[in-house]
PDB file of N, CA and C in Angstrom:
ATOM      1  N   UNK A   1      85.202 -49.608 -47.939  1.00  0.00           N
ATOM      2  CA  UNK A   1      84.799 -48.374 -48.556  1.00  0.00           C
ATOM      3  C   UNK A   1      85.904 -47.320 -48.443  1.00  0.00           C
ATOM      4  N   UNK A   2      86.516 -47.234 -47.286  1.00  0.00           N
ATOM      5  CA  UNK A   2      87.567 -46.252 -47.097  1.00  0.00           C
ATOM      6  C   UNK A   2      88.809 -46.560 -47.920  1.00  0.00           C
ATOM      7  N   UNK A   3      88.983 -47.837 -48.291  1.00  0.00           N
ATOM      8  CA  UNK A   3      90.168 -48.203 -49.057  1.00  0.00           C
ATOM      9  C   UNK A   3      90.125 -47.658 -50.487  1.00  0.00           C
ATOM     10  N   UNK A   4      88.930 -47.385 -50.999  1.00  0.00           N
ATOM     11  CA  UNK A   4      88.823 -46.859 -52.362  1.00  0.00           C
ATOM     12  C   UNK A   4      88.610 -45.343 -52.381  1.00  0.00           C
ATOM     13  N   UNK A   5      88.630 -44.718 -51.227  1.00  0.00           N
ATOM     14  CA  UNK A   5      88.434 -43.271 -51.160  1.00  0.00           C
ATOM     15  C   UNK A   5      89.572 -42.553 -51.890  1.00  0.00           C
ATOM     16  N   UNK A   6      89.205 -41.600 -52.739  1.00  0.00           N
ATOM     17  CA  UNK A   6      90.193 -40.830 -53.477  1.00  0.00           C
ATOM     18  C   UNK A   6      90.681 -41.486 -54.748  1.00  0.00           C
ATOM     19  N   UNK A   7      90.092 -42.600 -55.153  1.00  0.00           N
ATOM     20  CA  UNK A   7      90.546 -43.290 -56.358  1.00  0.00           C
ATOM     21  C   UNK A   7      89.629 -43.048 -57.551  1.00  0.00           C
ATOM     22  N   UNK A   8      88.586 -42.246 -57.363  1.00  0.00           N
ATOM     23  CA  UNK A   8      87.644 -41.994 -58.443  1.00  0.00           C
ATOM     24  C   UNK A   8      88.320 -41.182 -59.550  1.00  0.00           C
ATOM     25  N   UNK A   9      88.076 -41.578 -60.784  1.00  0.00           N
ATOM     26  CA  UNK A   9      88.618 -40.873 -61.936  1.00  0.00           C
ATOM     27  C   UNK A   9      87.557 -39.882 -62.403  1.00  0.00           C
ATOM     28  N   UNK A  10      87.934 -38.614 -62.428  1.00  0.00           N
ATOM     29  CA  UNK A  10      87.001 -37.581 -62.843  1.00  0.00           C
ATOM     30  C   UNK A  10      87.166 -37.291 -64.328  1.00  0.00           C
ATOM     31  N   UNK A  11      86.052 -37.173 -65.001  1.00  0.00           N
ATOM     32  CA  UNK A  11      86.085 -36.745 -66.398  1.00  0.00           C
ATOM     33  C   UNK A  11      86.096 -35.233 -66.405  1.00  0.00           C
ATOM     34  N   UNK A  12      87.085 -34.673 -67.001  1.00  0.00           N
ATOM     35  CA  UNK A  12      87.197 -33.229 -67.069  1.00  0.00           C
ATOM     36  C   UNK A  12      86.191 -32.696 -68.072  1.00  0.00           C
ATOM     37  N   UNK A  13      85.341 -31.791 -67.637  1.00  0.00           N
ATOM     38  CA  UNK A  13      84.294 -31.241 -68.489  1.00  0.00           C
ATOM     39  C   UNK A  13      84.668 -29.825 -68.898  1.00  0.00           C
ATOM     40  N   UNK A  14      85.781 -29.675 -69.579  1.00  0.00           N
ATOM     41  CA  UNK A  14      86.240 -28.357 -69.994  1.00  0.00           C
ATOM     42  C   UNK A  14      86.084 -28.203 -71.493  1.00  0.00           C
ATOM     43  N   UNK A  15      86.154 -26.970 -71.949  1.00  0.00           N
ATOM     44  CA  UNK A  15      86.076 -26.704 -73.380  1.00  0.00           C
ATOM     45  C   UNK A  15      87.245 -27.354 -74.100  1.00  0.00           C
ATOM     46  N   UNK A  16      88.383 -27.372 -73.436  1.00  0.00           N
ATOM     47  CA  UNK A  16      89.591 -27.939 -74.035  1.00  0.00           C
ATOM     48  C   UNK A  16      89.435 -29.431 -74.320  1.00  0.00           C
ATOM     49  N   UNK A  17      88.846 -30.188 -73.381  1.00  0.00           N
ATOM     50  CA  UNK A  17      88.673 -31.624 -73.586  1.00  0.00           C
ATOM     51  C   UNK A  17      87.586 -31.919 -74.602  1.00  0.00           C
ATOM     52  N   UNK A  18      86.657 -30.971 -74.789  1.00  0.00           N
ATOM     53  CA  UNK A  18      85.598 -31.145 -75.776  1.00  0.00           C
ATOM     54  C   UNK A  18      86.036 -30.694 -77.164  1.00  0.00           C
ATOM     55  N   UNK A  19      87.216 -30.079 -77.258  1.00  0.00           N
ATOM     56  CA  UNK A  19      87.720 -29.618 -78.537  1.00  0.00           C
ATOM     57  C   UNK A  19      87.188 -28.250 -78.932  1.00  0.00           C
ATOM     58  N   UNK A  20      86.629 -27.512 -77.977  1.00  0.00           N
ATOM     59  CA  UNK A  20      86.104 -26.184 -78.262  1.00  0.00           C
ATOM     60  C   UNK A  20      87.167 -25.121 -78.011  1.00  0.00           C
ATOM     61  N   UNK A  21      87.106 -24.065 -78.783  1.00  0.00           N
ATOM     62  CA  UNK A  21      88.007 -22.938 -78.581  1.00  0.00           C
ATOM     63  C   UNK A  21      87.142 -21.731 -78.223  1.00  0.00           C
ATOM     64  N   UNK A  22      87.264 -21.265 -76.992  1.00  0.00           N
ATOM     65  CA  UNK A  22      86.499 -20.109 -76.544  1.00  0.00           C
ATOM     66  C   UNK A  22      87.258 -18.832 -76.855  1.00  0.00           C
ATOM     67  N   UNK A  23      86.530 -17.747 -77.150  1.00  0.00           N
ATOM     68  CA  UNK A  23      87.222 -16.489 -77.408  1.00  0.00           C
ATOM     69  C   UNK A  23      87.871 -15.952 -76.135  1.00  0.00           C
ATOM     70  N   UNK A  24      88.864 -15.102 -76.291  1.00  0.00           N
ATOM     71  CA  UNK A  24      89.537 -14.491 -75.144  1.00  0.00           C
ATOM     72  C   UNK A  24      88.651 -13.402 -74.542  1.00  0.00           C
ATOM     73  N   UNK A  25      88.916 -13.088 -73.275  1.00  0.00           N
ATOM     74  CA  UNK A  25      88.137 -12.101 -72.537  1.00  0.00           C
ATOM     75  C   UNK A  25      89.047 -10.958 -72.117  1.00  0.00           C
ATOM     76  N   UNK A  26      88.527  -9.739 -72.206  1.00  0.00           N
ATOM     77  CA  UNK A  26      89.249  -8.561 -71.728  1.00  0.00           C
ATOM     78  C   UNK A  26      88.622  -8.138 -70.405  1.00  0.00           C
ATOM     79  N   UNK A  27      89.450  -7.994 -69.369  1.00  0.00           N
ATOM     80  CA  UNK A  27      88.962  -7.559 -68.057  1.00  0.00           C
ATOM     81  C   UNK A  27      88.822  -6.042 -68.050  1.00  0.00           C
ATOM     82  N   UNK A  28      88.144  -5.479 -67.032  1.00  0.00           N
ATOM     83  CA  UNK A  28      88.026  -4.019 -66.940  1.00  0.00           C
ATOM     84  C   UNK A  28      89.378  -3.325 -66.814  1.00  0.00           C
ATOM     85  N   UNK A  29      90.391  -4.039 -66.311  1.00  0.00           N
ATOM     86  CA  UNK A  29      91.732  -3.466 -66.174  1.00  0.00           C
ATOM     87  C   UNK A  29      92.517  -3.518 -67.484  1.00  0.00           C
ATOM     88  N   UNK A  30      91.969  -4.187 -68.494  1.00  0.00           N
ATOM     89  CA  UNK A  30      92.633  -4.286 -69.787  1.00  0.00           C
ATOM     90  C   UNK A  30      93.442  -5.549 -69.977  1.00  0.00           C
ATOM     91  N   UNK A  31      93.405  -6.474 -69.024  1.00  0.00           N
ATOM     92  CA  UNK A  31      94.128  -7.737 -69.152  1.00  0.00           C
ATOM     93  C   UNK A  31      93.340  -8.696 -70.039  1.00  0.00           C
ATOM     94  N   UNK A  32      94.035  -9.470 -70.837  1.00  0.00           N
ATOM     95  CA  UNK A  32      93.394 -10.432 -71.735  1.00  0.00           C
ATOM     96  C   UNK A  32      93.574 -11.830 -71.154  1.00  0.00           C
ATOM     97  N   UNK A  33      92.479 -12.566 -71.030  1.00  0.00           N
ATOM     98  CA  UNK A  33      92.491 -13.922 -70.479  1.00  0.00           C
ATOM     99  C   UNK A  33      92.023 -14.907 -71.533  1.00  0.00           C
ATOM    100  N   UNK A  34      92.667 -16.065 -71.582  1.00  0.00           N
ATOM    101  CA  UNK A  34      92.217 -17.175 -72.403  1.00  0.00           C
ATOM    102  C   UNK A  34      91.551 -18.181 -71.478  1.00  0.00           C
ATOM    103  N   UNK A  35      90.297 -18.509 -71.761  1.00  0.00           N
ATOM    104  CA  UNK A  35      89.508 -19.376 -70.885  1.00  0.00           C
ATOM    105  C   UNK A  35      89.487 -20.790 -71.448  1.00  0.00           C
ATOM    106  N   UNK A  36      89.866 -21.765 -70.609  1.00  0.00           N
ATOM    107  CA  UNK A  36      89.760 -23.169 -71.011  1.00  0.00           C
ATOM    108  C   UNK A  36      88.656 -23.865 -70.231  1.00  0.00           C
ATOM    109  N   UNK A  37      88.408 -23.443 -69.006  1.00  0.00           N
ATOM    110  CA  UNK A  37      87.343 -23.999 -68.182  1.00  0.00           C
ATOM    111  C   UNK A  37      86.525 -22.836 -67.615  1.00  0.00           C
ATOM    112  N   UNK A  38      85.294 -22.699 -68.075  1.00  0.00           N
ATOM    113  CA  UNK A  38      84.457 -21.559 -67.698  1.00  0.00           C
ATOM    114  C   UNK A  38      84.199 -21.535 -66.199  1.00  0.00           C
ATOM    115  N   UNK A  39      83.833 -22.660 -65.627  1.00  0.00           N
ATOM    116  CA  UNK A  39      83.530 -22.700 -64.187  1.00  0.00           C
ATOM    117  C   UNK A  39      84.740 -22.336 -63.337  1.00  0.00           C
ATOM    118  N   UNK A  40      85.895 -22.860 -63.666  1.00  0.00           N
ATOM    119  CA  UNK A  40      87.102 -22.550 -62.892  1.00  0.00           C
ATOM    120  C   UNK A  40      87.467 -21.073 -63.028  1.00  0.00           C
ATOM    121  N   UNK A  41      87.336 -20.531 -64.226  1.00  0.00           N
ATOM    122  CA  UNK A  41      87.623 -19.111 -64.446  1.00  0.00           C
ATOM    123  C   UNK A  41      86.665 -18.249 -63.623  1.00  0.00           C
ATOM    124  N   UNK A  42      85.403 -18.619 -63.609  1.00  0.00           N
ATOM    125  CA  UNK A  42      84.400 -17.853 -62.854  1.00  0.00           C
ATOM    126  C   UNK A  42      84.649 -17.933 -61.354  1.00  0.00           C
ATOM    127  N   UNK A  43      85.030 -19.083 -60.854  1.00  0.00           N
ATOM    128  CA  UNK A  43      85.337 -19.209 -59.427  1.00  0.00           C
ATOM    129  C   UNK A  43      86.534 -18.342 -59.054  1.00  0.00           C
ATOM    130  N   UNK A  44      87.530 -18.334 -59.906  1.00  0.00           N
ATOM    131  CA  UNK A  44      88.756 -17.593 -59.639  1.00  0.00           C
ATOM    132  C   UNK A  44      88.527 -16.076 -59.663  1.00  0.00           C
ATOM    133  N   UNK A  45      87.605 -15.614 -60.530  1.00  0.00           N
ATOM    134  CA  UNK A  45      87.400 -14.182 -60.710  1.00  0.00           C
ATOM    135  C   UNK A  45      86.060 -13.684 -60.174  1.00  0.00           C
ATOM    136  N   UNK A  46      85.363 -14.516 -59.399  1.00  0.00           N
ATOM    137  CA  UNK A  46      84.093 -14.152 -58.760  1.00  0.00           C
ATOM    138  C   UNK A  46      83.051 -13.697 -59.791  1.00  0.00           C
ATOM    139  N   UNK A  47      82.809 -14.553 -60.787  1.00  0.00           N
ATOM    140  CA  UNK A  47      81.842 -14.281 -61.838  1.00  0.00           C
ATOM    141  C   UNK A  47      80.780 -15.364 -61.853  1.00  0.00           C
ATOM    142  N   UNK A  48      79.692 -15.107 -62.541  1.00  0.00           N
ATOM    143  CA  UNK A  48      78.621 -16.087 -62.715  1.00  0.00           C
ATOM    144  C   UNK A  48      78.889 -16.881 -63.994  1.00  0.00           C
ATOM    145  N   UNK A  49      78.932 -18.211 -63.876  1.00  0.00           N
ATOM    146  CA  UNK A  49      79.236 -19.012 -65.063  1.00  0.00           C
ATOM    147  C   UNK A  49      78.112 -18.950 -66.089  1.00  0.00           C
ATOM    148  N   UNK A  50      76.878 -18.794 -65.650  1.00  0.00           N
ATOM    149  CA  UNK A  50      75.781 -18.706 -66.613  1.00  0.00           C
ATOM    150  C   UNK A  50      75.829 -17.386 -67.369  1.00  0.00           C
ATOM    151  N   UNK A  51      76.156 -16.301 -66.692  1.00  0.00           N
ATOM    152  CA  UNK A  51      76.280 -15.000 -67.366  1.00  0.00           C
ATOM    153  C   UNK A  51      77.470 -14.994 -68.315  1.00  0.00           C
ATOM    154  N   UNK A  52      78.554 -15.641 -67.925  1.00  0.00           N
ATOM    155  CA  UNK A  52      79.708 -15.704 -68.815  1.00  0.00           C
ATOM    156  C   UNK A  52      79.399 -16.573 -70.035  1.00  0.00           C
ATOM    157  N   UNK A  53      78.594 -17.597 -69.843  1.00  0.00           N
ATOM    158  CA  UNK A  53      78.156 -18.427 -70.966  1.00  0.00           C
ATOM    159  C   UNK A  53      77.324 -17.630 -71.956  1.00  0.00           C
ATOM    160  N   UNK A  54      76.465 -16.747 -71.433  1.00  0.00           N
ATOM    161  CA  UNK A  54      75.681 -15.880 -72.316  1.00  0.00           C
ATOM    162  C   UNK A  54      76.579 -14.903 -73.061  1.00  0.00           C
ATOM    163  N   UNK A  55      77.663 -14.468 -72.414  1.00  0.00           N
ATOM    164  CA  UNK A  55      78.628 -13.594 -73.071  1.00  0.00           C
ATOM    165  C   UNK A  55      79.293 -14.323 -74.241  1.00  0.00           C
ATOM    166  N   UNK A  56      79.704 -15.570 -74.016  1.00  0.00           N
ATOM    167  CA  UNK A  56      80.314 -16.367 -75.084  1.00  0.00           C
ATOM    168  C   UNK A  56      79.330 -16.644 -76.217  1.00  0.00           C
ATOM    169  N   UNK A  57      78.048 -16.791 -75.884  1.00  0.00           N
ATOM    170  CA  UNK A  57      77.031 -17.056 -76.899  1.00  0.00           C
ATOM    171  C   UNK A  57      76.635 -15.805 -77.673  1.00  0.00           C
ATOM    172  N   UNK A  58      77.059 -14.641 -77.200  1.00  0.00           N
ATOM    173  CA  UNK A  58      76.743 -13.397 -77.882  1.00  0.00           C
ATOM    174  C   UNK A  58      75.406 -12.803 -77.487  1.00  0.00           C
ATOM    175  N   UNK A  59      74.819 -13.287 -76.396  1.00  0.00           N
ATOM    176  CA  UNK A  59      73.511 -12.790 -75.959  1.00  0.00           C
ATOM    177  C   UNK A  59      73.621 -11.534 -75.101  1.00  0.00           C
ATOM    178  N   UNK A  60      74.784 -11.293 -74.495  1.00  0.00           N
ATOM    179  CA  UNK A  60      75.019 -10.076 -73.720  1.00  0.00           C
ATOM    180  C   UNK A  60      76.352  -9.480 -74.161  1.00  0.00           C
ATOM    181  N   UNK A  61      76.476  -8.150 -74.125  1.00  0.00           N
ATOM    182  CA  UNK A  61      77.724  -7.537 -74.572  1.00  0.00           C
ATOM    183  C   UNK A  61      78.850  -7.598 -73.543  1.00  0.00           C
ATOM    184  N   UNK A  62      78.499  -7.697 -72.247  1.00  0.00           N
ATOM    185  CA  UNK A  62      79.528  -7.695 -71.201  1.00  0.00           C
ATOM    186  C   UNK A  62      78.972  -8.322 -69.926  1.00  0.00           C
ATOM    187  N   UNK A  63      79.896  -8.739 -69.046  1.00  0.00           N
ATOM    188  CA  UNK A  63      79.523  -9.240 -67.722  1.00  0.00           C
ATOM    189  C   UNK A  63      80.537  -8.708 -66.718  1.00  0.00           C
ATOM    190  N   UNK A  64      80.069  -7.891 -65.810  1.00  0.00           N
ATOM    191  CA  UNK A  64      80.913  -7.257 -64.786  1.00  0.00           C
ATOM    192  C   UNK A  64      82.141  -6.598 -65.394  1.00  0.00           C
ATOM    193  N   UNK A  65      81.934  -5.926 -66.514  1.00  0.00           N
ATOM    194  CA  UNK A  65      83.018  -5.202 -67.169  1.00  0.00           C
ATOM    195  C   UNK A  65      83.872  -6.034 -68.096  1.00  0.00           C
ATOM    196  N   UNK A  66      83.656  -7.326 -68.139  1.00  0.00           N
ATOM    197  CA  UNK A  66      84.442  -8.181 -69.023  1.00  0.00           C
ATOM    198  C   UNK A  66      83.759  -8.277 -70.370  1.00  0.00           C
ATOM    199  N   UNK A  67      84.528  -8.154 -71.425  1.00  0.00           N
ATOM    200  CA  UNK A  67      84.002  -8.248 -72.791  1.00  0.00           C
ATOM    201  C   UNK A  67      84.861  -9.219 -73.585  1.00  0.00           C
ATOM    202  N   UNK A  68      84.372  -9.588 -74.743  1.00  0.00           N
ATOM    203  CA  UNK A  68      85.129 -10.475 -75.615  1.00  0.00           C
ATOM    204  C   UNK A  68      86.132  -9.680 -76.426  1.00  0.00           C
ATOM    205  N   UNK A  69      87.227 -10.310 -76.770  1.00  0.00           N
ATOM    206  CA  UNK A  69      88.223  -9.674 -77.631  1.00  0.00           C
ATOM    207  C   UNK A  69      87.606  -9.579 -79.032  1.00  0.00           C
ATOM    208  N   UNK A  70      87.606  -8.367 -79.615  1.00  0.00           N
ATOM    209  CA  UNK A  70      87.005  -8.243 -80.952  1.00  0.00           C
ATOM    210  C   UNK A  70      87.787  -9.014 -81.995  1.00  0.00           C
ATOM    211  N   UNK A  71      87.063  -9.516 -83.003  1.00  0.00           N
ATOM    212  CA  UNK A  71      87.696 -10.228 -84.122  1.00  0.00           C
ATOM    213  C   UNK A  71      88.516  -9.258 -84.949  1.00  0.00           C
ATOM    214  N   UNK A  72      89.666  -9.714 -85.436  1.00  0.00           N
ATOM    215  CA  UNK A  72      90.513  -8.880 -86.282  1.00  0.00           C
ATOM    216  C   UNK A  72      90.308  -9.275 -87.735  1.00  0.00           C
ATOM    217  N   UNK A  73      89.258  -8.765 -88.314  1.00  0.00           N
ATOM    218  CA  UNK A  73      88.951  -9.078 -89.723  1.00  0.00           C
ATOM    219  C   UNK A  73      88.965  -7.839 -90.550  1.00  0.00           C
TER     220      UNK A  73
END
């Protein structure tokens, strides 16, 4: 059992591997972030992944001061 430890192949469950393009996020400081993995981004910035998912879905306007980059149309 110990001989196979660390050999597991993980399937990456990111938007990038699924072919999705998520909109960019503006932080309260004005920095623009491009998100490829929602969970990793949330861990790094101390955010809730479910709340950020609602932000991407358009159900909430902001989460902890972060908003979506407006469309340029």
